[in-house]
C-alpha atoms as a PDB file:
ATOM      1  CA  MET A   1       0.000   0.000   0.000  1.00  0.00           C
ATOM      2  CA  LEU A   2       1.382   3.356  -0.968  1.00  0.00           C
ATOM      3  CA  GLY A   3       1.288   5.974   1.732  1.00  0.00           C
ATOM      4  CA  LYS A   4       1.787   9.676   2.017  1.00  0.00           C
ATOM      5  CA  THR A   5       4.304  11.800   3.866  1.00  0.00           C
ATOM      6  CA  CYS A   6       3.369  13.829   6.918  1.00  0.00           C
ATOM      7  CA  PRO A   7       4.177  17.496   6.163  1.00  0.00           C
ATOM      8  CA  HIS A   8       5.167  18.089   9.791  1.00  0.00           C
ATOM      9  CA  CYS A   9       7.441  15.170  10.754  1.00  0.00           C
ATOM     10  CA  LYS A  10       8.151  13.787   7.242  1.00  0.00           C
ATOM     11  CA  GLU A  11       7.251  10.213   8.239  1.00  0.00           C
ATOM     12  CA  ARG A  12       5.333   7.863   5.943  1.00  0.00           C
ATOM     13  CA  VAL A  13       1.734   7.234   7.014  1.00  0.00           C
ATOM     14  CA  LYS A  14      -1.199   5.432   5.439  1.00  0.00           C
ATOM     15  CA  LYS A  15      -2.773   7.069   2.448  1.00  0.00           C
ATOM     16  CA  ASP A  16      -6.169   7.474   4.102  1.00  0.00           C
ATOM     17  CA  ALA A  17      -4.879   8.543   7.557  1.00  0.00           C
ATOM     18  CA  LEU A  18      -6.444  11.636   9.133  1.00  0.00           C
ATOM     19  CA  VAL A  19      -3.893  11.967  11.970  1.00  0.00           C
ATOM     20  CA  CYS A  20      -0.151  11.233  11.824  1.00  0.00           C
ATOM     21  CA  ARG A  21       0.668   8.302  14.112  1.00  0.00           C
ATOM     22  CA  TYR A  22       4.158   9.679  14.785  1.00  0.00           C
ATOM     23  CA  CYS A  23       3.557  13.336  15.654  1.00  0.00           C
ATOM     24  CA  GLY A  24      -0.215  13.274  16.300  1.00  0.00           C
ATOM     25  CA  ARG A  25      -1.002  16.223  14.056  1.00  0.00           C
ATOM     26  CA  GLU A  26      -3.965  16.307  11.730  1.00  0.00           C
ATOM     27  CA  LEU A  27      -3.323  15.643   8.071  1.00  0.00           C
ATOM     28  CA  GLU A  28      -4.977  17.174   5.073  1.00  0.00           C
ATOM     29  CA  LEU A  29      -7.117  14.832   3.036  1.00  0.00           C
ATOM     30  CA  ASN A  30      -5.267  15.397  -0.234  1.00  0.00           C
ATOM     31  CA  ASN A  31      -1.689  15.712   0.957  1.00  0.00           C
ATOM     32  CA  GLU A  32      -0.202  13.876  -2.004  1.00  0.00           C
ATOM     33  CA  ARG A  33       2.051  15.920  -4.186  1.00  0.00           C
ATOM     34  CA  LYS A  34       0.914  16.349  -7.720  1.00  0.00           C
ATOM     35  CA  HIS A  35       3.587  16.284 -10.344  1.00  0.00           C
ATOM     36  CA  ASN A  36       3.291  19.669 -11.922  1.00  0.00           C
ATOM     37  CA  LEU A  37       4.922  19.827 -15.313  1.00  0.00           C
ATOM     38  CA  ASN A  38       5.715  23.419 -15.894  1.00  0.00           C
ATOM     39  CA  TYR A  39       5.592  23.527 -19.682  1.00  0.00           C
ATOM     40  CA  PRO A  40       7.185  26.958 -20.171  1.00  0.00           C
ATOM     41  CA  ASN A  41      10.305  25.719 -18.358  1.00  0.00           C
ATOM     42  CA  TRP A  42      10.473  22.589 -20.530  1.00  0.00           C
ATOM     43  CA  ILE A  43       9.999  24.655 -23.672  1.00  0.00           C
ATOM     44  CA  PHE A  44      12.720  27.067 -22.578  1.00  0.00           C
ATOM     45  CA  ALA A  45      15.056  24.159 -21.786  1.00  0.00           C
ATOM     46  CA  GLY A  46      14.358  22.639 -25.207  1.00  0.00           C
ATOM     47  CA  PHE A  47      15.126  25.865 -27.037  1.00  0.00           C
ATOM     48  CA  ALA A  48      18.255  26.376 -24.936  1.00  0.00           C
ATOM     49  CA  GLY A  49      19.396  22.859 -25.853  1.00  0.00           C
ATOM     50  CA  LEU A  50      18.759  23.483 -29.534  1.00  0.00           C
ATOM     51  CA  ALA A  51      20.634  26.792 -29.395  1.00  0.00           C
ATOM     52  CA  ALA A  52      23.578  25.155 -27.633  1.00  0.00           C
ATOM     53  CA  GLY A  53      23.633  22.357 -30.224  1.00  0.00           C
ATOM     54  CA  ALA A  54      23.536  24.845 -33.091  1.00  0.00           C
ATOM     55  CA  ALA A  55      26.334  26.902 -31.540  1.00  0.00           C
ATOM     56  CA  LEU A  56      28.416  23.764 -31.070  1.00  0.00           C
ATOM     57  CA  ALA A  57      27.838  22.777 -34.704  1.00  0.00           C
ATOM     58  CA  LEU A  58      28.903  26.241 -35.888  1.00  0.00           C
ATOM     59  CA  VAL A  59      32.056  26.182 -33.760  1.00  0.00           C
ATOM     60  CA  PHE A  60      32.943  22.695 -34.996  1.00  0.00           C
ATOM     61  CA  GLY A  61      32.346  23.716 -38.622  1.00  0.00           C
ATOM     62  CA  TYR A  62      34.473  26.839 -38.223  1.00  0.00           C
ATOM     63  CA  TRP A  63      37.257  24.831 -36.561  1.00  0.00           C
ATOM     64  CA  LYS A  64      37.201  22.233 -39.338  1.00  0.00           C
ATOM     65  CA  GLU A  65      37.261  24.902 -42.060  1.00  0.00           C
ATOM     66  CA  ARG A  66      40.098  26.770 -40.330  1.00  0.00           C
ATOM     67  CA  ARG A  67      42.192  23.592 -40.238  1.00  0.00           C
ATOM     68  CA  ARG A  68      41.593  23.199 -43.961  1.00  0.00           C
ATOM     69  CA  TRP A  69      42.718  26.794 -44.571  1.00  0.00           C
ATOM     70  CA  GLN A  70      45.880  26.210 -42.551  1.00  0.00           C
ATOM     71  CA  GLU A  71      46.614  23.014 -44.485  1.00  0.00           C
ATOM     72  CA  ASP A  72      46.170  24.890 -47.778  1.00  0.00           C
ATOM     73  CA  ILE A  73      48.554  27.627 -46.640  1.00  0.00           C
ATOM     74  CA  THR A  74      51.202  25.134 -45.552  1.00  0.00           C
ATOM     75  CA  ASP A  75      50.831  23.198 -48.827  1.00  0.00           C
ATOM     76  CA  TYR A  76      51.784  26.280 -50.821  1.00  0.00           C
ATOM     77  CA  SER A  77      54.535  27.576 -48.589  1.00  0.00           C
ATOM     78  CA  VAL A  78      56.393  24.414 -47.627  1.00  0.00           C
ATOM     79  CA  GLY A  79      58.688  22.869 -50.166  1.00  0.00           C
ATOM     80  CA  GLU A  80      58.756  25.716 -52.654  1.00  0.00           C
ATOM     81  CA  GLU A  81      62.165  26.604 -53.895  1.00  0.00           C
ATOM     82  CA  PHE A  82      62.812  30.055 -55.227  1.00  0.00           C
ATOM     83  CA  ASP A  83      64.950  30.738 -58.241  1.00  0.00           C
ATOM     84  CA  ASN A  84      67.374  33.480 -57.410  1.00  0.00           C
ATOM     85  CA  GLU A  85      67.623  34.356 -61.096  1.00  0.00           C
ATOM     86  CA  GLU A  86      64.021  35.575 -61.294  1.00  0.00           C
ATOM     87  CA  PHE A  87      64.445  38.181 -58.563  1.00  0.00           C
END
């Protein structure tokens, strides 16, 4: 049998109890906590996650492109020999 928690002493009591057997205080009839899904918070968290994912994708793409630029620069500058006669 599932019970409920006394709001005063935090002990578990029977679901249909009117008085807590530990502290002797009266209990409310509907003391069970209702799971309240706060949709605006979930929506905000979802958009924040999408924004973070998009930012991460942009940073990764920029980093990958920058490495390619650096490889292109080193390909042209390394190993070239200059003719002294042309200058």
